[in-house]
Amino acid sequence: MILALSGVRKSYTTAEGLIEILKGVDLQVASGESVALTGESGSGKSTLLHLAACLDRADSGSIVMNGRDIRQLNENECAHYRRTQVGLVFQQFNLIPSLTVAANISFHAKLADRFDPAWEMELIGKLGLRDYISRYPEQLSGGQQQRVAIGRTLAARPPLILADEPTGNLDEQTGDRVLDLMVSLSRTARSALLLVTHSARLAGGLDRIVVLRGGKIVE
């Protein structure tokens, strides 16, 4: 298993008091596997992704990535973990406005010291971006920008990809096409994919669906 969560709990303090979002989550994701994480709004799906990305800390339990419990990492180690072990894709494209498409795609791979020009060009071709490599984000459509964001993530061949409603800002047809590409290319890269979605239709295109309900995973 690339990622294994066991007994993960997370609470937040609000004006109404302490609210427990995750109440003992157990979840495993294998290399090359795509898993859809579904559940009602506010069920903690994004919280779970943030914990797996080392963007937030669980209250208890273990989050083991490639044999190491990331709850034990300090801030510098978390930053290195995100550079080298995890790829993040969100609704917001988060592209760098001053960089071209080609430079945006290679950015993460260079940070991770995994830049591979041949793999980048393969990605650019499969993502349908060959005619746009010299353009800047503002010159692209939403679908094109999201494809660049996916290419940036996959260029570094991260062991784990965490995606939070990555097609939420796209129309249905474009979203379907982008998701199909993400799943196909993550398999090619042998990256595990954990994707949050509200759409049962989109979830059906992945290898497995898990539901977050009552603070726990329901397979």
N, C-alpha and C. Protein backbone atom coordinates (compact mmCIF):
# COMPACT_ATOMS: atom_id res chain seq x y z
N MET A 1 0.83 -1.20 0.00
CA MET A 1 0.00 0.00 0.00
C MET A 1 0.87 1.26 0.00
N ILE A 2 0.51 2.20 -0.84
CA ILE A 2 1.20 3.49 -0.86
C ILE A 2 0.75 4.34 0.33
N LEU A 3 -0.57 4.39 0.56
CA LEU A 3 -1.14 5.21 1.61
C LEU A 3 -2.04 4.37 2.51
N ALA A 4 -1.84 4.47 3.81
CA ALA A 4 -2.68 3.74 4.77
C ALA A 4 -3.03 4.64 5.94
N LEU A 5 -4.31 4.92 6.10
CA LEU A 5 -4.80 5.68 7.25
C LEU A 5 -5.46 4.71 8.22
N SER A 6 -5.15 4.87 9.49
CA SER A 6 -5.70 3.98 10.51
C SER A 6 -6.13 4.79 11.74
N GLY A 7 -7.43 4.70 12.07
CA GLY A 7 -7.95 5.36 13.25
C GLY A 7 -7.76 6.86 13.28
N VAL A 8 -7.82 7.50 12.13
CA VAL A 8 -7.53 8.94 12.05
C VAL A 8 -8.71 9.76 12.55
N ARG A 9 -8.41 10.65 13.50
CA ARG A 9 -9.42 11.54 14.06
C ARG A 9 -8.98 13.00 13.89
N LYS A 10 -9.96 13.87 13.65
CA LYS A 10 -9.67 15.29 13.52
C LYS A 10 -10.85 16.11 14.00
N SER A 11 -10.58 17.05 14.90
CA SER A 11 -11.62 17.94 15.44
C SER A 11 -11.22 19.39 15.21
N TYR A 12 -12.21 20.26 15.19
CA TYR A 12 -11.98 21.70 15.09
C TYR A 12 -12.78 22.41 16.16
N THR A 13 -12.21 23.48 16.70
CA THR A 13 -12.92 24.30 17.68
C THR A 13 -13.67 25.41 16.95
N THR A 14 -14.96 25.48 17.19
CA THR A 14 -15.80 26.51 16.58
C THR A 14 -16.50 27.31 17.67
N ALA A 15 -17.27 28.30 17.25
CA ALA A 15 -18.02 29.12 18.20
C ALA A 15 -19.03 28.28 18.98
N GLU A 16 -19.45 27.17 18.36
CA GLU A 16 -20.42 26.28 19.01
C GLU A 16 -19.73 25.22 19.87
N GLY A 17 -18.40 25.23 19.86
CA GLY A 17 -17.67 24.24 20.64
C GLY A 17 -16.85 23.33 19.75
N LEU A 18 -16.38 22.22 20.31
CA LEU A 18 -15.53 21.28 19.59
C LEU A 18 -16.37 20.41 18.67
N ILE A 19 -16.00 20.36 17.38
CA ILE A 19 -16.70 19.51 16.42
C ILE A 19 -15.73 18.48 15.88
N GLU A 20 -16.07 17.22 16.04
CA GLU A 20 -15.23 16.13 15.54
C GLU A 20 -15.65 15.80 14.12
N ILE A 21 -14.76 16.02 13.16
CA ILE A 21 -15.06 15.80 11.75
C ILE A 21 -14.77 14.35 11.35
N LEU A 22 -13.58 13.88 11.68
CA LEU A 22 -13.18 12.51 11.37
C LEU A 22 -13.13 11.73 12.68
N LYS A 23 -13.77 10.57 12.70
CA LYS A 23 -13.98 9.83 13.94
C LYS A 23 -13.39 8.43 13.91
N GLY A 24 -12.20 8.34 13.34
CA GLY A 24 -11.54 7.04 13.26
C GLY A 24 -11.55 6.49 11.85
N VAL A 25 -10.96 7.22 10.92
CA VAL A 25 -10.96 6.84 9.51
C VAL A 25 -9.90 5.79 9.23
N ASP A 26 -10.31 4.73 8.55
CA ASP A 26 -9.40 3.69 8.06
C ASP A 26 -9.52 3.64 6.54
N LEU A 27 -8.39 3.77 5.84
CA LEU A 27 -8.42 3.77 4.38
C LEU A 27 -7.06 3.38 3.85
N GLN A 28 -7.06 2.53 2.81
CA GLN A 28 -5.81 2.15 2.15
C GLN A 28 -5.93 2.38 0.65
N VAL A 29 -4.85 2.86 0.04
CA VAL A 29 -4.80 3.09 -1.40
C VAL A 29 -3.51 2.47 -1.93
N ALA A 30 -3.64 1.66 -2.97
CA ALA A 30 -2.49 0.95 -3.53
C ALA A 30 -1.86 1.72 -4.68
N SER A 31 -0.63 1.39 -4.99
CA SER A 31 0.08 2.00 -6.12
C SER A 31 -0.68 1.73 -7.41
N GLY A 32 -0.89 2.77 -8.21
CA GLY A 32 -1.57 2.63 -9.48
C GLY A 32 -3.08 2.57 -9.38
N GLU A 33 -3.62 2.58 -8.16
CA GLU A 33 -5.07 2.49 -7.96
C GLU A 33 -5.70 3.88 -7.93
N SER A 34 -6.92 3.99 -8.46
CA SER A 34 -7.67 5.24 -8.38
C SER A 34 -8.89 5.03 -7.49
N VAL A 35 -9.02 5.88 -6.48
CA VAL A 35 -10.09 5.75 -5.50
C VAL A 35 -10.88 7.05 -5.44
N ALA A 36 -12.20 6.94 -5.57
CA ALA A 36 -13.08 8.10 -5.44
C ALA A 36 -13.55 8.19 -3.99
N LEU A 37 -13.37 9.34 -3.38
CA LEU A 37 -13.84 9.59 -2.02
C LEU A 37 -15.08 10.47 -2.11
N THR A 38 -16.22 9.91 -1.72
CA THR A 38 -17.48 10.62 -1.83
C THR A 38 -18.11 10.80 -0.44
N GLY A 39 -19.20 11.55 -0.40
CA GLY A 39 -19.88 11.81 0.87
C GLY A 39 -20.56 13.16 0.82
N GLU A 40 -21.43 13.41 1.79
CA GLU A 40 -22.16 14.66 1.84
C GLU A 40 -21.22 15.85 2.07
N SER A 41 -21.68 17.03 1.69
CA SER A 41 -20.93 18.25 1.97
C SER A 41 -20.71 18.38 3.47
N GLY A 42 -19.49 18.73 3.86
CA GLY A 42 -19.18 18.89 5.27
C GLY A 42 -18.83 17.60 5.98
N SER A 43 -18.73 16.50 5.21
CA SER A 43 -18.44 15.21 5.84
C SER A 43 -16.96 15.02 6.17
N GLY A 44 -16.11 15.91 5.66
CA GLY A 44 -14.69 15.83 6.01
C GLY A 44 -13.80 15.33 4.90
N LYS A 45 -14.31 15.29 3.67
CA LYS A 45 -13.51 14.78 2.55
C LYS A 45 -12.26 15.62 2.32
N SER A 46 -12.45 16.94 2.24
CA SER A 46 -11.30 17.82 2.02
C SER A 46 -10.35 17.79 3.21
N THR A 47 -10.90 17.68 4.41
CA THR A 47 -10.07 17.58 5.62
C THR A 47 -9.17 16.35 5.52
N LEU A 48 -9.73 15.23 5.09
CA LEU A 48 -8.94 14.00 4.96
C LEU A 48 -7.80 14.20 3.96
N LEU A 49 -8.09 14.85 2.81
CA LEU A 49 -7.05 15.10 1.82
C LEU A 49 -5.96 15.99 2.39
N HIS A 50 -6.34 17.02 3.13
CA HIS A 50 -5.35 17.93 3.71
C HIS A 50 -4.44 17.20 4.71
N LEU A 51 -5.01 16.26 5.46
CA LEU A 51 -4.19 15.47 6.39
C LEU A 51 -3.21 14.59 5.62
N ALA A 52 -3.68 13.96 4.55
CA ALA A 52 -2.81 13.08 3.76
C ALA A 52 -1.72 13.86 3.04
N ALA A 53 -1.99 15.16 2.78
CA ALA A 53 -1.00 16.02 2.12
C ALA A 53 -0.06 16.68 3.10
N CYS A 54 -0.24 16.43 4.39
CA CYS A 54 0.58 17.05 5.43
C CYS A 54 0.39 18.57 5.43
N LEU A 55 -0.83 18.99 5.06
CA LEU A 55 -1.20 20.41 5.13
C LEU A 55 -1.87 20.72 6.46
N ASP A 56 -2.26 19.68 7.17
CA ASP A 56 -2.89 19.81 8.47
C ASP A 56 -2.51 18.58 9.29
N ARG A 57 -2.74 18.62 10.58
CA ARG A 57 -2.34 17.54 11.47
C ARG A 57 -3.56 16.82 12.04
N ALA A 58 -3.52 15.50 12.01
CA ALA A 58 -4.56 14.70 12.65
C ALA A 58 -4.38 14.77 14.16
N ASP A 59 -5.50 14.63 14.88
CA ASP A 59 -5.44 14.61 16.35
C ASP A 59 -4.86 13.29 16.85
N SER A 60 -5.20 12.21 16.17
CA SER A 60 -4.71 10.89 16.57
C SER A 60 -4.83 9.94 15.38
N GLY A 61 -4.29 8.73 15.56
CA GLY A 61 -4.27 7.76 14.47
C GLY A 61 -2.96 7.84 13.71
N SER A 62 -2.85 7.08 12.63
CA SER A 62 -1.63 7.08 11.82
C SER A 62 -1.96 7.30 10.36
N ILE A 63 -1.06 8.00 9.67
CA ILE A 63 -1.17 8.23 8.22
C ILE A 63 0.17 7.81 7.63
N VAL A 64 0.23 6.59 7.14
CA VAL A 64 1.49 6.02 6.68
C VAL A 64 1.58 6.12 5.17
N MET A 65 2.61 6.79 4.69
CA MET A 65 2.87 6.96 3.26
C MET A 65 4.22 6.34 2.94
N ASN A 66 4.20 5.31 2.09
CA ASN A 66 5.45 4.61 1.74
C ASN A 66 6.21 4.16 2.99
N GLY A 67 5.47 3.66 3.98
CA GLY A 67 6.10 3.08 5.16
C GLY A 67 6.45 4.07 6.26
N ARG A 68 6.14 5.36 6.06
CA ARG A 68 6.49 6.37 7.07
C ARG A 68 5.25 7.11 7.53
N ASP A 69 5.08 7.23 8.84
CA ASP A 69 3.94 7.94 9.40
C ASP A 69 4.18 9.44 9.30
N ILE A 70 3.44 10.10 8.45
CA ILE A 70 3.70 11.52 8.19
C ILE A 70 3.27 12.40 9.37
N ARG A 71 2.53 11.85 10.32
CA ARG A 71 2.19 12.63 11.52
C ARG A 71 3.44 12.96 12.34
N GLN A 72 4.51 12.22 12.10
CA GLN A 72 5.75 12.43 12.86
C GLN A 72 6.68 13.45 12.20
N LEU A 73 6.31 13.95 11.02
CA LEU A 73 7.18 14.86 10.29
C LEU A 73 7.09 16.28 10.86
N ASN A 74 8.24 16.99 10.87
CA ASN A 74 8.21 18.40 11.23
C ASN A 74 7.85 19.23 10.00
N GLU A 75 7.78 20.55 10.15
CA GLU A 75 7.31 21.40 9.05
C GLU A 75 8.22 21.31 7.82
N ASN A 76 9.53 21.30 8.03
CA ASN A 76 10.45 21.19 6.89
C ASN A 76 10.31 19.85 6.19
N GLU A 77 10.13 18.80 6.97
CA GLU A 77 9.95 17.46 6.40
C GLU A 77 8.62 17.35 5.65
N CYS A 78 7.60 18.03 6.17
CA CYS A 78 6.31 18.06 5.46
C CYS A 78 6.45 18.76 4.11
N ALA A 79 7.19 19.85 4.08
CA ALA A 79 7.39 20.57 2.83
C ALA A 79 8.12 19.69 1.82
N HIS A 80 9.13 18.97 2.27
CA HIS A 80 9.86 18.06 1.39
C HIS A 80 8.95 16.93 0.92
N TYR A 81 8.11 16.43 1.81
CA TYR A 81 7.15 15.37 1.48
C TYR A 81 6.22 15.84 0.36
N ARG A 82 5.72 17.06 0.46
CA ARG A 82 4.81 17.57 -0.57
C ARG A 82 5.53 17.79 -1.89
N ARG A 83 6.80 18.14 -1.85
CA ARG A 83 7.56 18.34 -3.09
C ARG A 83 7.83 17.02 -3.80
N THR A 84 8.08 15.96 -3.04
CA THR A 84 8.62 14.73 -3.64
C THR A 84 7.67 13.54 -3.65
N GLN A 85 6.67 13.52 -2.76
CA GLN A 85 5.83 12.33 -2.62
C GLN A 85 4.39 12.53 -3.05
N VAL A 86 3.93 13.78 -3.11
CA VAL A 86 2.51 14.05 -3.33
C VAL A 86 2.31 15.07 -4.44
N GLY A 87 1.30 14.80 -5.26
CA GLY A 87 0.85 15.78 -6.24
C GLY A 87 -0.54 16.24 -5.87
N LEU A 88 -0.78 17.54 -5.91
CA LEU A 88 -2.06 18.11 -5.50
C LEU A 88 -2.76 18.76 -6.69
N VAL A 89 -4.05 18.43 -6.85
CA VAL A 89 -4.86 19.05 -7.91
C VAL A 89 -6.16 19.52 -7.27
N PHE A 90 -6.45 20.83 -7.44
CA PHE A 90 -7.65 21.40 -6.83
C PHE A 90 -8.53 22.04 -7.91
N GLN A 91 -9.73 22.51 -7.50
CA GLN A 91 -10.59 23.24 -8.44
C GLN A 91 -9.88 24.47 -8.97
N GLN A 92 -9.18 25.18 -8.07
CA GLN A 92 -8.40 26.33 -8.48
C GLN A 92 -7.12 25.82 -9.13
N PHE A 93 -6.81 26.33 -10.30
CA PHE A 93 -5.70 25.77 -11.07
C PHE A 93 -4.34 26.08 -10.46
N ASN A 94 -4.23 27.24 -9.79
CA ASN A 94 -2.99 27.62 -9.10
C ASN A 94 -1.77 27.60 -10.02
N LEU A 95 -1.96 27.99 -11.27
CA LEU A 95 -0.82 28.10 -12.17
C LEU A 95 -0.07 29.39 -11.90
N ILE A 96 1.20 29.42 -12.28
CA ILE A 96 2.01 30.62 -12.07
C ILE A 96 1.83 31.53 -13.29
N PRO A 97 1.22 32.70 -13.13
CA PRO A 97 0.85 33.55 -14.27
C PRO A 97 2.02 33.94 -15.15
N SER A 98 3.21 34.10 -14.56
CA SER A 98 4.36 34.59 -15.31
C SER A 98 5.09 33.49 -16.07
N LEU A 99 4.64 32.23 -15.94
CA LEU A 99 5.31 31.11 -16.62
C LEU A 99 4.45 30.59 -17.77
N THR A 100 5.10 30.15 -18.82
CA THR A 100 4.39 29.54 -19.94
C THR A 100 3.82 28.19 -19.54
N VAL A 101 3.03 27.61 -20.42
CA VAL A 101 2.48 26.27 -20.18
C VAL A 101 3.59 25.27 -19.92
N ALA A 102 4.62 25.27 -20.78
CA ALA A 102 5.72 24.32 -20.63
C ALA A 102 6.43 24.51 -19.29
N ALA A 103 6.66 25.76 -18.91
CA ALA A 103 7.37 26.04 -17.66
C ALA A 103 6.52 25.69 -16.44
N ASN A 104 5.20 25.92 -16.54
CA ASN A 104 4.32 25.52 -15.45
C ASN A 104 4.33 24.01 -15.25
N ILE A 105 4.31 23.27 -16.35
CA ILE A 105 4.27 21.81 -16.26
C ILE A 105 5.56 21.27 -15.66
N SER A 106 6.69 21.86 -15.99
CA SER A 106 7.97 21.34 -15.50
C SER A 106 8.30 21.83 -14.09
N PHE A 107 7.53 22.79 -13.57
CA PHE A 107 7.88 23.45 -12.31
C PHE A 107 8.02 22.47 -11.14
N HIS A 108 7.00 21.65 -10.90
CA HIS A 108 7.02 20.73 -9.76
C HIS A 108 8.08 19.66 -9.94
N ALA A 109 8.22 19.16 -11.17
CA ALA A 109 9.22 18.12 -11.43
C ALA A 109 10.63 18.62 -11.13
N LYS A 110 10.91 19.87 -11.46
CA LYS A 110 12.23 20.43 -11.18
C LYS A 110 12.44 20.61 -9.68
N LEU A 111 11.39 21.03 -8.96
CA LEU A 111 11.50 21.15 -7.51
C LEU A 111 11.80 19.79 -6.87
N ALA A 112 11.18 18.74 -7.43
CA ALA A 112 11.36 17.40 -6.89
C ALA A 112 12.61 16.71 -7.42
N ASP A 113 13.36 17.42 -8.28
CA ASP A 113 14.56 16.86 -8.92
C ASP A 113 14.21 15.61 -9.73
N ARG A 114 13.06 15.67 -10.43
CA ARG A 114 12.62 14.55 -11.26
C ARG A 114 12.27 15.00 -12.68
N PHE A 115 12.88 16.08 -13.13
CA PHE A 115 12.54 16.62 -14.45
C PHE A 115 12.97 15.64 -15.53
N ASP A 116 12.03 15.25 -16.37
CA ASP A 116 12.27 14.30 -17.46
C ASP A 116 11.65 14.90 -18.73
N PRO A 117 12.46 15.51 -19.60
CA PRO A 117 11.91 16.18 -20.79
C PRO A 117 11.07 15.27 -21.67
N ALA A 118 11.48 14.00 -21.81
CA ALA A 118 10.71 13.08 -22.66
C ALA A 118 9.33 12.81 -22.07
N TRP A 119 9.26 12.60 -20.76
CA TRP A 119 7.98 12.37 -20.10
C TRP A 119 7.11 13.62 -20.16
N GLU A 120 7.72 14.79 -20.00
CA GLU A 120 6.95 16.03 -20.08
C GLU A 120 6.34 16.18 -21.47
N MET A 121 7.10 15.91 -22.52
CA MET A 121 6.57 16.05 -23.87
C MET A 121 5.48 15.01 -24.15
N GLU A 122 5.62 13.82 -23.57
CA GLU A 122 4.56 12.80 -23.71
C GLU A 122 3.28 13.30 -23.05
N LEU A 123 3.41 13.88 -21.86
CA LEU A 123 2.25 14.42 -21.17
C LEU A 123 1.61 15.55 -21.96
N ILE A 124 2.43 16.46 -22.46
CA ILE A 124 1.92 17.59 -23.22
C ILE A 124 1.12 17.11 -24.43
N GLY A 125 1.63 16.07 -25.10
CA GLY A 125 0.92 15.51 -26.24
C GLY A 125 -0.39 14.87 -25.85
N LYS A 126 -0.38 14.04 -24.81
CA LYS A 126 -1.60 13.34 -24.40
C LYS A 126 -2.64 14.29 -23.81
N LEU A 127 -2.18 15.40 -23.25
CA LEU A 127 -3.11 16.39 -22.70
C LEU A 127 -3.60 17.38 -23.75
N GLY A 128 -3.14 17.21 -24.99
CA GLY A 128 -3.59 18.08 -26.07
C GLY A 128 -3.11 19.51 -25.96
N LEU A 129 -1.87 19.68 -25.47
CA LEU A 129 -1.36 21.02 -25.20
C LEU A 129 -0.19 21.43 -26.10
N ARG A 130 0.11 20.64 -27.11
CA ARG A 130 1.28 20.94 -27.96
C ARG A 130 1.22 22.33 -28.59
N ASP A 131 0.03 22.75 -28.95
CA ASP A 131 -0.11 24.05 -29.61
C ASP A 131 -0.12 25.22 -28.63
N TYR A 132 0.00 24.93 -27.33
CA TYR A 132 -0.16 25.98 -26.33
C TYR A 132 1.05 26.13 -25.41
N ILE A 133 2.14 25.41 -25.69
CA ILE A 133 3.25 25.37 -24.73
C ILE A 133 3.90 26.73 -24.50
N SER A 134 3.77 27.65 -25.45
CA SER A 134 4.39 28.97 -25.28
C SER A 134 3.41 30.00 -24.76
N ARG A 135 2.17 29.60 -24.52
CA ARG A 135 1.16 30.53 -24.01
C ARG A 135 1.24 30.64 -22.49
N TYR A 136 0.59 31.68 -21.98
CA TYR A 136 0.51 31.91 -20.54
C TYR A 136 -0.89 31.56 -20.04
N PRO A 137 -1.04 31.26 -18.75
CA PRO A 137 -2.33 30.83 -18.22
C PRO A 137 -3.51 31.70 -18.62
N GLU A 138 -3.32 33.02 -18.63
CA GLU A 138 -4.43 33.92 -18.95
C GLU A 138 -4.92 33.77 -20.39
N GLN A 139 -4.10 33.13 -21.22
CA GLN A 139 -4.47 32.92 -22.62
C GLN A 139 -5.17 31.58 -22.86
N LEU A 140 -5.48 30.86 -21.79
CA LEU A 140 -6.07 29.53 -21.90
C LEU A 140 -7.49 29.51 -21.37
N SER A 141 -8.26 28.53 -21.84
CA SER A 141 -9.60 28.30 -21.29
C SER A 141 -9.47 27.58 -19.95
N GLY A 142 -10.57 27.47 -19.22
CA GLY A 142 -10.55 26.77 -17.94
C GLY A 142 -10.14 25.32 -18.09
N GLY A 143 -10.66 24.64 -19.11
CA GLY A 143 -10.29 23.24 -19.33
C GLY A 143 -8.82 23.08 -19.66
N GLN A 144 -8.29 24.00 -20.45
CA GLN A 144 -6.87 23.95 -20.80
C GLN A 144 -6.01 24.19 -19.56
N GLN A 145 -6.41 25.14 -18.72
CA GLN A 145 -5.64 25.42 -17.51
C GLN A 145 -5.64 24.21 -16.57
N GLN A 146 -6.78 23.52 -16.46
CA GLN A 146 -6.81 22.36 -15.59
C GLN A 146 -5.95 21.23 -16.14
N ARG A 147 -5.89 21.11 -17.47
CA ARG A 147 -5.00 20.10 -18.06
C ARG A 147 -3.54 20.43 -17.77
N VAL A 148 -3.20 21.72 -17.79
CA VAL A 148 -1.84 22.12 -17.43
C VAL A 148 -1.56 21.77 -15.97
N ALA A 149 -2.53 22.02 -15.09
CA ALA A 149 -2.36 21.70 -13.66
C ALA A 149 -2.15 20.21 -13.45
N ILE A 150 -2.88 19.40 -14.21
CA ILE A 150 -2.71 17.94 -14.12
C ILE A 150 -1.34 17.54 -14.66
N GLY A 151 -0.94 18.15 -15.76
CA GLY A 151 0.38 17.85 -16.31
C GLY A 151 1.49 18.22 -15.35
N ARG A 152 1.35 19.36 -14.67
CA ARG A 152 2.35 19.79 -13.68
C ARG A 152 2.47 18.74 -12.57
N THR A 153 1.33 18.23 -12.12
CA THR A 153 1.34 17.22 -11.06
C THR A 153 1.98 15.93 -11.52
N LEU A 154 1.59 15.46 -12.70
CA LEU A 154 2.07 14.16 -13.19
C LEU A 154 3.52 14.19 -13.67
N ALA A 155 4.00 15.37 -14.05
CA ALA A 155 5.37 15.47 -14.57
C ALA A 155 6.40 15.00 -13.55
N ALA A 156 6.09 15.16 -12.27
CA ALA A 156 7.03 14.76 -11.21
C ALA A 156 6.86 13.29 -10.82
N ARG A 157 5.91 12.59 -11.47
CA ARG A 157 5.61 11.18 -11.16
C ARG A 157 5.50 10.95 -9.64
N PRO A 158 4.64 11.67 -8.96
CA PRO A 158 4.51 11.47 -7.52
C PRO A 158 3.90 10.12 -7.21
N PRO A 159 4.30 9.46 -6.13
CA PRO A 159 3.68 8.19 -5.75
C PRO A 159 2.20 8.33 -5.46
N LEU A 160 1.78 9.53 -5.00
CA LEU A 160 0.39 9.75 -4.61
C LEU A 160 -0.11 11.06 -5.19
N ILE A 161 -1.31 11.01 -5.79
CA ILE A 161 -1.98 12.22 -6.27
C ILE A 161 -3.26 12.41 -5.46
N LEU A 162 -3.41 13.60 -4.90
CA LEU A 162 -4.60 13.96 -4.14
C LEU A 162 -5.35 15.04 -4.91
N ALA A 163 -6.59 14.75 -5.28
CA ALA A 163 -7.36 15.68 -6.11
C ALA A 163 -8.68 16.01 -5.43
N ASP A 164 -8.95 17.30 -5.24
CA ASP A 164 -10.16 17.75 -4.56
C ASP A 164 -11.09 18.43 -5.56
N GLU A 165 -12.13 17.71 -6.00
CA GLU A 165 -13.09 18.23 -6.97
C GLU A 165 -12.38 18.91 -8.15
N PRO A 166 -11.43 18.23 -8.79
CA PRO A 166 -10.59 18.90 -9.79
C PRO A 166 -11.34 19.38 -11.02
N THR A 167 -12.54 18.84 -11.27
CA THR A 167 -13.29 19.28 -12.45
C THR A 167 -14.51 20.11 -12.06
N GLY A 168 -14.56 20.56 -10.81
CA GLY A 168 -15.73 21.28 -10.32
C GLY A 168 -16.01 22.59 -11.02
N ASN A 169 -14.98 23.23 -11.59
CA ASN A 169 -15.17 24.51 -12.28
C ASN A 169 -15.31 24.36 -13.79
N LEU A 170 -15.44 23.11 -14.25
CA LEU A 170 -15.51 22.86 -15.69
C LEU A 170 -16.90 22.37 -16.08
N ASP A 171 -17.27 22.58 -17.34
CA ASP A 171 -18.53 22.02 -17.81
C ASP A 171 -18.43 20.50 -17.85
N GLU A 172 -19.58 19.84 -17.92
CA GLU A 172 -19.61 18.38 -17.77
C GLU A 172 -18.75 17.66 -18.80
N GLN A 173 -18.86 18.05 -20.06
CA GLN A 173 -18.12 17.37 -21.12
C GLN A 173 -16.61 17.55 -20.94
N THR A 174 -16.18 18.78 -20.66
CA THR A 174 -14.76 19.05 -20.46
C THR A 174 -14.27 18.34 -19.20
N GLY A 175 -15.09 18.36 -18.15
CA GLY A 175 -14.72 17.70 -16.90
C GLY A 175 -14.52 16.21 -17.08
N ASP A 176 -15.42 15.57 -17.82
CA ASP A 176 -15.28 14.13 -18.08
C ASP A 176 -13.99 13.83 -18.82
N ARG A 177 -13.68 14.64 -19.81
CA ARG A 177 -12.48 14.42 -20.61
C ARG A 177 -11.21 14.61 -19.77
N VAL A 178 -11.22 15.65 -18.95
CA VAL A 178 -10.06 15.92 -18.09
C VAL A 178 -9.87 14.81 -17.07
N LEU A 179 -10.97 14.34 -16.47
CA LEU A 179 -10.86 13.26 -15.48
C LEU A 179 -10.37 11.97 -16.11
N ASP A 180 -10.86 11.65 -17.30
CA ASP A 180 -10.40 10.44 -17.99
C ASP A 180 -8.89 10.49 -18.22
N LEU A 181 -8.41 11.67 -18.62
CA LEU A 181 -6.98 11.85 -18.84
C LEU A 181 -6.20 11.68 -17.53
N MET A 182 -6.72 12.25 -16.45
CA MET A 182 -6.04 12.16 -15.16
C MET A 182 -5.91 10.71 -14.71
N VAL A 183 -7.00 9.96 -14.81
CA VAL A 183 -6.98 8.56 -14.39
C VAL A 183 -6.04 7.75 -15.26
N SER A 184 -6.12 7.94 -16.57
CA SER A 184 -5.28 7.18 -17.49
C SER A 184 -3.80 7.48 -17.29
N LEU A 185 -3.45 8.77 -17.16
CA LEU A 185 -2.05 9.14 -17.03
C LEU A 185 -1.49 8.78 -15.65
N SER A 186 -2.34 8.83 -14.63
CA SER A 186 -1.85 8.42 -13.30
C SER A 186 -1.52 6.93 -13.30
N ARG A 187 -2.30 6.15 -14.02
CA ARG A 187 -1.99 4.71 -14.14
C ARG A 187 -0.67 4.52 -14.88
N THR A 188 -0.48 5.29 -15.94
CA THR A 188 0.77 5.19 -16.70
C THR A 188 1.97 5.52 -15.81
N ALA A 189 1.81 6.51 -14.95
CA ALA A 189 2.89 6.92 -14.05
C ALA A 189 2.98 6.04 -12.80
N ARG A 190 2.05 5.08 -12.65
CA ARG A 190 1.97 4.19 -11.48
C ARG A 190 1.77 5.00 -10.20
N SER A 191 1.05 6.11 -10.33
CA SER A 191 0.72 6.93 -9.16
C SER A 191 -0.63 6.49 -8.60
N ALA A 192 -0.74 6.43 -7.29
CA ALA A 192 -2.03 6.22 -6.65
C ALA A 192 -2.81 7.53 -6.74
N LEU A 193 -4.13 7.42 -6.95
CA LEU A 193 -4.97 8.61 -7.09
C LEU A 193 -6.12 8.52 -6.08
N LEU A 194 -6.21 9.52 -5.20
CA LEU A 194 -7.33 9.65 -4.27
C LEU A 194 -8.05 10.94 -4.63
N LEU A 195 -9.29 10.81 -5.11
CA LEU A 195 -10.00 11.94 -5.69
C LEU A 195 -11.32 12.17 -4.97
N VAL A 196 -11.52 13.39 -4.48
CA VAL A 196 -12.78 13.79 -3.85
C VAL A 196 -13.74 14.26 -4.92
N THR A 197 -14.95 13.74 -4.90
CA THR A 197 -15.98 14.20 -5.83
C THR A 197 -17.36 14.02 -5.22
N HIS A 198 -18.28 14.91 -5.61
CA HIS A 198 -19.68 14.76 -5.23
C HIS A 198 -20.45 13.98 -6.28
N SER A 199 -19.83 13.75 -7.43
CA SER A 199 -20.53 13.17 -8.57
C SER A 199 -20.40 11.65 -8.61
N ALA A 200 -21.53 10.96 -8.49
CA ALA A 200 -21.52 9.49 -8.60
C ALA A 200 -21.09 9.07 -10.00
N ARG A 201 -21.45 9.88 -11.00
CA ARG A 201 -21.09 9.57 -12.38
C ARG A 201 -19.57 9.60 -12.57
N LEU A 202 -18.93 10.65 -12.04
CA LEU A 202 -17.48 10.74 -12.16
C LEU A 202 -16.80 9.66 -11.32
N ALA A 203 -17.32 9.41 -10.13
CA ALA A 203 -16.73 8.39 -9.25
C ALA A 203 -16.75 7.03 -9.90
N GLY A 204 -17.77 6.77 -10.72
CA GLY A 204 -17.89 5.47 -11.37
C GLY A 204 -16.78 5.18 -12.36
N GLY A 205 -16.01 6.20 -12.76
CA GLY A 205 -14.92 5.99 -13.70
C GLY A 205 -13.62 5.59 -13.04
N LEU A 206 -13.61 5.51 -11.70
CA LEU A 206 -12.39 5.14 -10.97
C LEU A 206 -12.45 3.68 -10.54
N ASP A 207 -11.33 3.16 -10.05
CA ASP A 207 -11.26 1.75 -9.71
C ASP A 207 -12.17 1.37 -8.54
N ARG A 208 -12.31 2.30 -7.59
CA ARG A 208 -13.03 1.98 -6.36
C ARG A 208 -13.67 3.24 -5.81
N ILE A 209 -14.82 3.07 -5.16
CA ILE A 209 -15.52 4.18 -4.53
C ILE A 209 -15.62 3.91 -3.04
N VAL A 210 -15.24 4.90 -2.22
CA VAL A 210 -15.45 4.82 -0.78
C VAL A 210 -16.27 6.04 -0.35
N VAL A 211 -17.08 5.84 0.69
CA VAL A 211 -17.96 6.90 1.16
C VAL A 211 -17.56 7.29 2.57
N LEU A 212 -17.46 8.60 2.79
CA LEU A 212 -17.19 9.13 4.13
C LEU A 212 -18.53 9.53 4.75
N ARG A 213 -18.91 8.82 5.80
CA ARG A 213 -20.20 9.07 6.44
C ARG A 213 -20.05 8.92 7.95
N GLY A 214 -20.58 9.90 8.68
CA GLY A 214 -20.49 9.83 10.13
C GLY A 214 -19.07 9.85 10.66
N GLY A 215 -18.18 10.48 9.87
CA GLY A 215 -16.78 10.58 10.30
C GLY A 215 -15.94 9.36 10.05
N LYS A 216 -16.53 8.35 9.36
CA LYS A 216 -15.78 7.13 9.08
C LYS A 216 -15.98 6.71 7.62
N ILE A 217 -15.09 5.86 7.13
CA ILE A 217 -15.20 5.37 5.76
C ILE A 217 -16.17 4.19 5.72
N VAL A 218 -17.09 4.26 4.75
CA VAL A 218 -18.00 3.16 4.48
C VAL A 218 -17.69 2.67 3.08
N GLU A 219 -17.14 1.49 2.95
CA GLU A 219 -16.75 0.98 1.62
C GLU A 219 -18.00 0.71 0.75
